[in-house]
PDB file of all heavy atoms in Angstrom:
ATOM      1  N   THR A   1       0.836  -1.210   0.001  1.00  0.00           N
ATOM      2  CA  THR A   1       0.002   0.012  -0.006  1.00  0.00           C
ATOM      3  C   THR A   1       0.863   1.248  -0.010  1.00  0.00           C
ATOM      4  O   THR A   1       0.574   2.217  -0.728  1.00  0.00           O
ATOM      5  CB  THR A   1      -0.920   0.007   1.221  1.00  0.00           C
ATOM      6  OG1 THR A   1      -1.803  -1.122   1.163  1.00  0.00           O
ATOM      7  CG2 THR A   1      -1.758   1.281   1.288  1.00  0.00           C
ATOM      8  N   ILE A   2       1.929   1.251   0.783  1.00  0.00           N
ATOM      9  CA  ILE A   2       2.831   2.401   0.860  1.00  0.00           C
ATOM     10  C   ILE A   2       3.469   2.650  -0.517  1.00  0.00           C
ATOM     11  O   ILE A   2       3.601   3.792  -0.947  1.00  0.00           O
ATOM     12  CB  ILE A   2       3.908   2.202   1.930  1.00  0.00           C
ATOM     13  CG1 ILE A   2       3.277   2.207   3.320  1.00  0.00           C
ATOM     14  CG2 ILE A   2       5.002   3.272   1.814  1.00  0.00           C
ATOM     15  CD1 ILE A   2       2.614   3.500   3.689  1.00  0.00           C
ATOM     16  N   ARG A   3       3.865   1.602  -1.194  1.00  0.00           N
ATOM     17  CA  ARG A   3       4.473   1.771  -2.523  1.00  0.00           C
ATOM     18  C   ARG A   3       3.481   2.437  -3.475  1.00  0.00           C
ATOM     19  O   ARG A   3       3.843   3.312  -4.273  1.00  0.00           O
ATOM     20  CB  ARG A   3       4.935   0.429  -3.070  1.00  0.00           C
ATOM     21  CG  ARG A   3       6.116  -0.157  -2.316  1.00  0.00           C
ATOM     22  CD  ARG A   3       6.679  -1.368  -3.051  1.00  0.00           C
ATOM     23  NE  ARG A   3       7.778  -1.963  -2.321  1.00  0.00           N
ATOM     24  CZ  ARG A   3       7.663  -2.964  -1.438  1.00  0.00           C
ATOM     25  NH1 ARG A   3       6.449  -3.470  -1.194  1.00  0.00           N
ATOM     26  NH2 ARG A   3       8.708  -3.435  -0.809  1.00  0.00           N
ATOM     27  N   ARG A   4       2.216   2.029  -3.432  1.00  0.00           N
ATOM     28  CA  ARG A   4       1.186   2.663  -4.266  1.00  0.00           C
ATOM     29  C   ARG A   4       1.008   4.128  -3.864  1.00  0.00           C
ATOM     30  O   ARG A   4       0.854   5.010  -4.727  1.00  0.00           O
ATOM     31  CB  ARG A   4      -0.127   1.905  -4.156  1.00  0.00           C
ATOM     32  CG  ARG A   4      -0.135   0.550  -4.872  1.00  0.00           C
ATOM     33  CD  ARG A   4      -1.565   0.064  -5.102  1.00  0.00           C
ATOM     34  NE  ARG A   4      -2.238  -0.178  -3.827  1.00  0.00           N
ATOM     35  CZ  ARG A   4      -2.298  -1.368  -3.237  1.00  0.00           C
ATOM     36  NH1 ARG A   4      -1.719  -2.427  -3.784  1.00  0.00           N
ATOM     37  NH2 ARG A   4      -2.942  -1.521  -2.090  1.00  0.00           N
ATOM     38  N   ASP A   5       1.003   4.375  -2.546  1.00  0.00           N
ATOM     39  CA  ASP A   5       0.862   5.761  -2.065  1.00  0.00           C
ATOM     40  C   ASP A   5       2.028   6.622  -2.576  1.00  0.00           C
ATOM     41  O   ASP A   5       1.823   7.754  -3.020  1.00  0.00           O
ATOM     42  CB  ASP A   5       0.863   5.791  -0.539  1.00  0.00           C
ATOM     43  CG  ASP A   5      -0.395   5.212   0.069  1.00  0.00           C
ATOM     44  OD1 ASP A   5      -1.405   5.114  -0.645  1.00  0.00           O
ATOM     45  OD2 ASP A   5      -0.341   4.857   1.278  1.00  0.00           O
ATOM     46  N   LEU A   6       3.246   6.115  -2.503  1.00  0.00           N
ATOM     47  CA  LEU A   6       4.408   6.887  -2.932  1.00  0.00           C
ATOM     48  C   LEU A   6       4.366   7.145  -4.436  1.00  0.00           C
ATOM     49  O   LEU A   6       4.742   8.232  -4.887  1.00  0.00           O
ATOM     50  CB  LEU A   6       5.694   6.143  -2.564  1.00  0.00           C
ATOM     51  CG  LEU A   6       5.988   6.018  -1.073  1.00  0.00           C
ATOM     52  CD1 LEU A   6       7.297   5.252  -0.838  1.00  0.00           C
ATOM     53  CD2 LEU A   6       6.038   7.388  -0.390  1.00  0.00           C
ATOM     54  N   ASP A   7       3.929   6.153  -5.184  1.00  0.00           N
ATOM     55  CA  ASP A   7       3.802   6.338  -6.648  1.00  0.00           C
ATOM     56  C   ASP A   7       2.794   7.465  -6.932  1.00  0.00           C
ATOM     57  O   ASP A   7       3.018   8.308  -7.805  1.00  0.00           O
ATOM     58  CB  ASP A   7       3.373   5.062  -7.329  1.00  0.00           C
ATOM     59  CG  ASP A   7       4.470   3.996  -7.330  1.00  0.00           C
ATOM     60  OD1 ASP A   7       5.650   4.391  -7.161  1.00  0.00           O
ATOM     61  OD2 ASP A   7       4.157   2.808  -7.489  1.00  0.00           O
ATOM     62  N   ALA A   8       1.686   7.456  -6.188  1.00  0.00           N
ATOM     63  CA  ALA A   8       0.646   8.474  -6.400  1.00  0.00           C
ATOM     64  C   ALA A   8       1.154   9.858  -6.019  1.00  0.00           C
ATOM     65  O   ALA A   8       0.924  10.844  -6.747  1.00  0.00           O
ATOM     66  CB  ALA A   8      -0.615   8.111  -5.600  1.00  0.00           C
ATOM     67  N   LEU A   9       1.845   9.948  -4.895  1.00  0.00           N
ATOM     68  CA  LEU A   9       2.339  11.235  -4.434  1.00  0.00           C
ATOM     69  C   LEU A   9       3.457  11.760  -5.344  1.00  0.00           C
ATOM     70  O   LEU A   9       3.577  12.978  -5.579  1.00  0.00           O
ATOM     71  CB  LEU A   9       2.861  11.120  -3.003  1.00  0.00           C
ATOM     72  CG  LEU A   9       1.769  10.890  -1.939  1.00  0.00           C
ATOM     73  CD1 LEU A   9       2.397  10.510  -0.593  1.00  0.00           C
ATOM     74  CD2 LEU A   9       0.894  12.126  -1.792  1.00  0.00           C
ATOM     75  N   ALA A  10       4.255  10.847  -5.877  1.00  0.00           N
ATOM     76  CA  ALA A  10       5.311  11.260  -6.825  1.00  0.00           C
ATOM     77  C   ALA A  10       4.688  11.818  -8.090  1.00  0.00           C
ATOM     78  O   ALA A  10       5.178  12.790  -8.666  1.00  0.00           O
ATOM     79  CB  ALA A  10       6.224  10.089  -7.123  1.00  0.00           C
ATOM     80  N   ALA A  11       3.609  11.176  -8.561  1.00  0.00           N
ATOM     81  CA  ALA A  11       2.917  11.646  -9.751  1.00  0.00           C
ATOM     82  C   ALA A  11       2.324  13.032  -9.552  1.00  0.00           C
ATOM     83  O   ALA A  11       2.179  13.813 -10.512  1.00  0.00           O
ATOM     84  CB  ALA A  11       1.839  10.648 -10.163  1.00  0.00           C
ATOM     85  N   GLN A  12       1.987  13.366  -8.311  1.00  0.00           N
ATOM     86  CA  GLN A  12       1.435  14.679  -7.986  1.00  0.00           C
ATOM     87  C   GLN A  12       2.535  15.729  -7.748  1.00  0.00           C
ATOM     88  O   GLN A  12       2.237  16.903  -7.536  1.00  0.00           O
ATOM     89  CB  GLN A  12       0.547  14.571  -6.734  1.00  0.00           C
ATOM     90  CG  GLN A  12      -0.663  13.685  -6.898  1.00  0.00           C
ATOM     91  CD  GLN A  12      -1.325  13.405  -5.549  1.00  0.00           C
ATOM     92  OE1 GLN A  12      -1.245  14.198  -4.632  1.00  0.00           O
ATOM     93  NE2 GLN A  12      -2.015  12.269  -5.457  1.00  0.00           N
ATOM     94  N   GLY A  13       3.780  15.298  -7.771  1.00  0.00           N
ATOM     95  CA  GLY A  13       4.874  16.227  -7.536  1.00  0.00           C
ATOM     96  C   GLY A  13       5.093  16.553  -6.065  1.00  0.00           C
ATOM     97  O   GLY A  13       5.745  17.571  -5.730  1.00  0.00           O
ATOM     98  N   VAL A  14       4.589  15.720  -5.190  1.00  0.00           N
ATOM     99  CA  VAL A  14       4.727  15.959  -3.750  1.00  0.00           C
ATOM    100  C   VAL A  14       6.087  15.518  -3.234  1.00  0.00           C
ATOM    101  O   VAL A  14       6.665  16.140  -2.328  1.00  0.00           O
ATOM    102  CB  VAL A  14       3.580  15.238  -2.991  1.00  0.00           C
ATOM    103  CG1 VAL A  14       3.779  15.361  -1.470  1.00  0.00           C
ATOM    104  CG2 VAL A  14       2.250  15.807  -3.397  1.00  0.00           C
ATOM    105  N   LEU A  15       6.640  14.456  -3.806  1.00  0.00           N
ATOM    106  CA  LEU A  15       7.904  13.896  -3.378  1.00  0.00           C
ATOM    107  C   LEU A  15       8.574  13.199  -4.569  1.00  0.00           C
ATOM    108  O   LEU A  15       7.990  13.103  -5.650  1.00  0.00           O
ATOM    109  CB  LEU A  15       7.716  12.920  -2.207  1.00  0.00           C
ATOM    110  CG  LEU A  15       6.604  11.848  -2.320  1.00  0.00           C
ATOM    111  CD1 LEU A  15       7.017  10.696  -3.202  1.00  0.00           C
ATOM    112  CD2 LEU A  15       6.208  11.355  -0.937  1.00  0.00           C
ATOM    113  N   GLU A  16       9.777  12.752  -4.317  1.00  0.00           N
ATOM    114  CA  GLU A  16      10.520  11.998  -5.371  1.00  0.00           C
ATOM    115  C   GLU A  16      10.605  10.536  -4.965  1.00  0.00           C
ATOM    116  O   GLU A  16      11.040  10.219  -3.835  1.00  0.00           O
ATOM    117  CB  GLU A  16      11.915  12.573  -5.571  1.00  0.00           C
ATOM    118  CG  GLU A  16      12.710  11.831  -6.656  1.00  0.00           C
ATOM    119  CD  GLU A  16      14.095  12.394  -6.842  1.00  0.00           C
ATOM    120  OE1 GLU A  16      14.454  13.309  -6.067  1.00  0.00           O
ATOM    121  OE2 GLU A  16      14.819  11.919  -7.730  1.00  0.00           O
ATOM    122  N   ARG A  17      10.212   9.660  -5.859  1.00  0.00           N
ATOM    123  CA  ARG A  17      10.304   8.219  -5.599  1.00  0.00           C
ATOM    124  C   ARG A  17      11.727   7.755  -5.824  1.00  0.00           C
ATOM    125  O   ARG A  17      12.323   8.024  -6.862  1.00  0.00           O
ATOM    126  CB  ARG A  17       9.354   7.484  -6.532  1.00  0.00           C
ATOM    127  CG  ARG A  17       9.137   6.033  -6.196  1.00  0.00           C
ATOM    128  CD  ARG A  17       8.208   5.865  -5.017  1.00  0.00           C
ATOM    129  NE  ARG A  17       7.679   4.522  -4.950  1.00  0.00           N
ATOM    130  CZ  ARG A  17       8.321   3.486  -4.355  1.00  0.00           C
ATOM    131  NH1 ARG A  17       9.493   3.703  -3.767  1.00  0.00           N
ATOM    132  NH2 ARG A  17       7.766   2.300  -4.332  1.00  0.00           N
ATOM    133  N   VAL A  18      12.293   7.072  -4.845  1.00  0.00           N
ATOM    134  CA  VAL A  18      13.613   6.476  -4.985  1.00  0.00           C
ATOM    135  C   VAL A  18      13.517   5.008  -4.570  1.00  0.00           C
ATOM    136  O   VAL A  18      12.546   4.567  -3.969  1.00  0.00           O
ATOM    137  CB  VAL A  18      14.674   7.189  -4.098  1.00  0.00           C
ATOM    138  CG1 VAL A  18      14.857   8.626  -4.556  1.00  0.00           C
ATOM    139  CG2 VAL A  18      14.301   7.143  -2.625  1.00  0.00           C
ATOM    140  N   ARG A  19      14.571   4.265  -4.875  1.00  0.00           N
ATOM    141  CA  ARG A  19      14.556   2.846  -4.554  1.00  0.00           C
ATOM    142  C   ARG A  19      14.400   2.627  -3.061  1.00  0.00           C
ATOM    143  O   ARG A  19      15.156   3.151  -2.256  1.00  0.00           O
ATOM    144  CB  ARG A  19      15.855   2.196  -5.033  1.00  0.00           C
ATOM    145  CG  ARG A  19      15.902   0.696  -4.813  1.00  0.00           C
ATOM    146  CD  ARG A  19      17.178   0.129  -5.387  1.00  0.00           C
ATOM    147  NE  ARG A  19      17.260  -1.300  -5.200  1.00  0.00           N
ATOM    148  CZ  ARG A  19      18.268  -2.061  -5.562  1.00  0.00           C
ATOM    149  NH1 ARG A  19      19.331  -1.498  -6.140  1.00  0.00           N
ATOM    150  NH2 ARG A  19      18.265  -3.373  -5.350  1.00  0.00           N
ATOM    151  N   GLY A  20      13.380   1.878  -2.684  1.00  0.00           N
ATOM    152  CA  GLY A  20      13.149   1.560  -1.291  1.00  0.00           C
ATOM    153  C   GLY A  20      12.410   2.615  -0.504  1.00  0.00           C
ATOM    154  O   GLY A  20      12.178   2.427   0.715  1.00  0.00           O
ATOM    155  N   GLY A  21      11.979   3.701  -1.141  1.00  0.00           N
ATOM    156  CA  GLY A  21      11.288   4.729  -0.399  1.00  0.00           C
ATOM    157  C   GLY A  21      11.086   5.995  -1.176  1.00  0.00           C
ATOM    158  O   GLY A  21      10.782   5.962  -2.372  1.00  0.00           O
ATOM    159  N   ALA A  22      11.248   7.152  -0.525  1.00  0.00           N
ATOM    160  CA  ALA A  22      11.038   8.428  -1.175  1.00  0.00           C
ATOM    161  C   ALA A  22      11.900   9.480  -0.493  1.00  0.00           C
ATOM    162  O   ALA A  22      12.382   9.302   0.622  1.00  0.00           O
ATOM    163  CB  ALA A  22       9.564   8.827  -1.080  1.00  0.00           C
ATOM    164  N   ARG A  23      12.084  10.624  -1.212  1.00  0.00           N
ATOM    165  CA  ARG A  23      12.797  11.751  -0.601  1.00  0.00           C
ATOM    166  C   ARG A  23      12.109  13.032  -1.018  1.00  0.00           C
ATOM    167  O   ARG A  23      11.391  13.083  -2.020  1.00  0.00           O
ATOM    168  CB  ARG A  23      14.247  11.776  -0.994  1.00  0.00           C
ATOM    169  CG  ARG A  23      14.548  12.012  -2.460  1.00  0.00           C
ATOM    170  CD  ARG A  23      16.031  11.920  -2.704  1.00  0.00           C
ATOM    171  NE  ARG A  23      16.352  12.069  -4.147  1.00  0.00           N
ATOM    172  CZ  ARG A  23      17.558  11.823  -4.654  1.00  0.00           C
ATOM    173  NH1 ARG A  23      18.545  11.404  -3.865  1.00  0.00           N
ATOM    174  NH2 ARG A  23      17.776  11.980  -5.925  1.00  0.00           N
ATOM    175  N   THR A  24      12.350  14.074  -0.252  1.00  0.00           N
ATOM    176  CA  THR A  24      11.676  15.345  -0.500  1.00  0.00           C
ATOM    177  C   THR A  24      12.202  15.997  -1.769  1.00  0.00           C
ATOM    178  O   THR A  24      13.334  15.814  -2.172  1.00  0.00           O
ATOM    179  CB  THR A  24      11.908  16.289   0.720  1.00  0.00           C
ATOM    180  OG1 THR A  24      11.202  17.510   0.447  1.00  0.00           O
ATOM    181  CG2 THR A  24      13.362  16.591   0.911  1.00  0.00           C
ATOM    182  N   LEU A  25      11.346  16.798  -2.381  1.00  0.00           N
ATOM    183  CA  LEU A  25      11.734  17.594  -3.526  1.00  0.00           C
ATOM    184  C   LEU A  25      12.134  18.997  -3.125  1.00  0.00           C
ATOM    185  O   LEU A  25      12.597  19.794  -3.940  1.00  0.00           O
ATOM    186  CB  LEU A  25      10.569  17.692  -4.526  1.00  0.00           C
ATOM    187  CG  LEU A  25      10.283  16.424  -5.328  1.00  0.00           C
ATOM    188  CD1 LEU A  25       8.953  16.574  -6.083  1.00  0.00           C
ATOM    189  CD2 LEU A  25      11.407  16.109  -6.267  1.00  0.00           C
ATOM    190  N   LEU A  26      11.928  19.329  -1.830  1.00  0.00           N
ATOM    191  CA  LEU A  26      12.257  20.665  -1.365  1.00  0.00           C
ATOM    192  C   LEU A  26      13.754  20.832  -1.185  1.00  0.00           C
ATOM    193  O   LEU A  26      14.441  19.932  -0.726  1.00  0.00           O
ATOM    194  CB  LEU A  26      11.579  20.939  -0.013  1.00  0.00           C
ATOM    195  CG  LEU A  26      10.037  20.924  -0.016  1.00  0.00           C
ATOM    196  CD1 LEU A  26       9.541  21.144   1.405  1.00  0.00           C
ATOM    197  CD2 LEU A  26       9.498  21.981  -0.945  1.00  0.00           C
ATOM    198  N   LEU A  27      14.268  21.996  -1.578  1.00  0.00           N
ATOM    199  CA  LEU A  27      15.654  22.313  -1.319  1.00  0.00           C
ATOM    200  C   LEU A  27      15.857  22.553   0.170  1.00  0.00           C
ATOM    201  O   LEU A  27      14.967  23.038   0.867  1.00  0.00           O
ATOM    202  CB  LEU A  27      16.084  23.560  -2.089  1.00  0.00           C
ATOM    203  CG  LEU A  27      16.097  23.414  -3.620  1.00  0.00           C
ATOM    204  CD1 LEU A  27      16.476  24.748  -4.244  1.00  0.00           C
ATOM    205  CD2 LEU A  27      17.044  22.331  -4.063  1.00  0.00           C
ATOM    206  N   ARG A  28      17.056  22.241   0.648  1.00  0.00           N
ATOM    207  CA  ARG A  28      17.337  22.433   2.055  1.00  0.00           C
ATOM    208  C   ARG A  28      17.788  23.859   2.316  1.00  0.00           C
ATOM    209  O   ARG A  28      18.961  24.162   2.474  1.00  0.00           O
ATOM    210  CB  ARG A  28      18.433  21.440   2.490  1.00  0.00           C
ATOM    211  CG  ARG A  28      17.957  19.990   2.399  1.00  0.00           C
ATOM    212  CD  ARG A  28      16.836  19.743   3.372  1.00  0.00           C
ATOM    213  NE  ARG A  28      16.291  18.417   3.216  1.00  0.00           N
ATOM    214  CZ  ARG A  28      15.385  17.927   4.006  1.00  0.00           C
ATOM    215  NH1 ARG A  28      14.902  18.610   4.986  1.00  0.00           N
ATOM    216  NH2 ARG A  28      14.912  16.704   3.814  1.00  0.00           N
ATOM    217  N   GLY A  29      16.838  24.783   2.359  1.00  0.00           N
ATOM    218  CA  GLY A  29      17.177  26.174   2.515  1.00  0.00           C
ATOM    219  C   GLY A  29      17.332  26.662   3.932  1.00  0.00           C
ATOM    220  O   GLY A  29      17.835  27.746   4.164  1.00  0.00           O
ATOM    221  N   GLU A  30      16.889  25.904   4.898  1.00  0.00           N
ATOM    222  CA  GLU A  30      16.949  26.353   6.287  1.00  0.00           C
ATOM    223  C   GLU A  30      17.946  25.480   7.049  1.00  0.00           C
ATOM    224  O   GLU A  30      17.827  24.255   7.108  1.00  0.00           O
ATOM    225  CB  GLU A  30      15.572  26.258   6.920  1.00  0.00           C
ATOM    226  CG  GLU A  30      15.531  26.771   8.357  1.00  0.00           C
ATOM    227  CD  GLU A  30      14.143  26.734   8.960  1.00  0.00           C
ATOM    228  OE1 GLU A  30      13.183  26.464   8.218  1.00  0.00           O
ATOM    229  OE2 GLU A  30      14.009  27.001  10.155  1.00  0.00           O
ATOM    230  N   GLU A  31      18.908  26.130   7.660  1.00  0.00           N
ATOM    231  CA  GLU A  31      19.988  25.436   8.342  1.00  0.00           C
ATOM    232  C   GLU A  31      19.606  25.131   9.781  1.00  0.00           C
ATOM    233  O   GLU A  31      19.242  26.039  10.540  1.00  0.00           O
ATOM    234  CB  GLU A  31      21.255  26.253   8.323  1.00  0.00           C
ATOM    235  CG  GLU A  31      22.454  25.576   8.919  1.00  0.00           C
ATOM    236  CD  GLU A  31      23.713  26.368   8.686  1.00  0.00           C
ATOM    237  OE1 GLU A  31      23.652  27.581   8.503  1.00  0.00           O
ATOM    238  OE2 GLU A  31      24.792  25.736   8.690  1.00  0.00           O
ATOM    239  N   PRO A  32      19.683  23.860  10.226  1.00  0.00           N
ATOM    240  CA  PRO A  32      19.427  23.567  11.633  1.00  0.00           C
ATOM    241  C   PRO A  32      20.483  24.220  12.507  1.00  0.00           C
ATOM    242  O   PRO A  32      21.631  24.383  12.088  1.00  0.00           O
ATOM    243  CB  PRO A  32      19.548  22.022  11.690  1.00  0.00           C
ATOM    244  CG  PRO A  32      19.376  21.565  10.290  1.00  0.00           C
ATOM    245  CD  PRO A  32      19.943  22.662   9.434  1.00  0.00           C
ATOM    246  N   PRO A  33      20.152  24.609  13.739  1.00  0.00           N
ATOM    247  CA  PRO A  33      21.118  25.242  14.631  1.00  0.00           C
ATOM    248  C   PRO A  33      22.329  24.341  14.885  1.00  0.00           C
ATOM    249  O   PRO A  33      22.212  23.126  14.913  1.00  0.00           O
ATOM    250  CB  PRO A  33      20.330  25.468  15.911  1.00  0.00           C
ATOM    251  CG  PRO A  33      18.876  25.459  15.493  1.00  0.00           C
ATOM    252  CD  PRO A  33      18.818  24.521  14.349  1.00  0.00           C
ATOM    253  N   PHE A  34      23.499  24.973  15.081  1.00  0.00           N
ATOM    254  CA  PHE A  34      24.735  24.227  15.323  1.00  0.00           C
ATOM    255  C   PHE A  34      24.585  23.301  16.512  1.00  0.00           C
ATOM    256  O   PHE A  34      25.000  22.124  16.472  1.00  0.00           O
ATOM    257  CB  PHE A  34      25.892  25.210  15.555  1.00  0.00           C
ATOM    258  CG  PHE A  34      27.232  24.537  15.707  1.00  0.00           C
ATOM    259  CD1 PHE A  34      28.039  24.364  14.591  1.00  0.00           C
ATOM    260  CD2 PHE A  34      27.687  24.099  16.938  1.00  0.00           C
ATOM    261  CE1 PHE A  34      29.282  23.764  14.700  1.00  0.00           C
ATOM    262  CE2 PHE A  34      28.926  23.477  17.058  1.00  0.00           C
ATOM    263  CZ  PHE A  34      29.715  23.315  15.942  1.00  0.00           C
ATOM    264  N   ALA A  35      23.999  23.792  17.601  1.00  0.00           N
ATOM    265  CA  ALA A  35      23.859  22.984  18.825  1.00  0.00           C
ATOM    266  C   ALA A  35      23.029  21.746  18.566  1.00  0.00           C
ATOM    267  O   ALA A  35      23.290  20.673  19.121  1.00  0.00           O
ATOM    268  CB  ALA A  35      23.253  23.819  19.945  1.00  0.00           C
TER     269      ALA A  35
END
């Protein structure tokens, strides 16, 4: 079911489908604090 969900979300441009899962399409523009 998750694989079907990821395929559907990837088709909508929500995320990027990769082998074994998914990753965000958003650029990492905000830096987490050093601490």
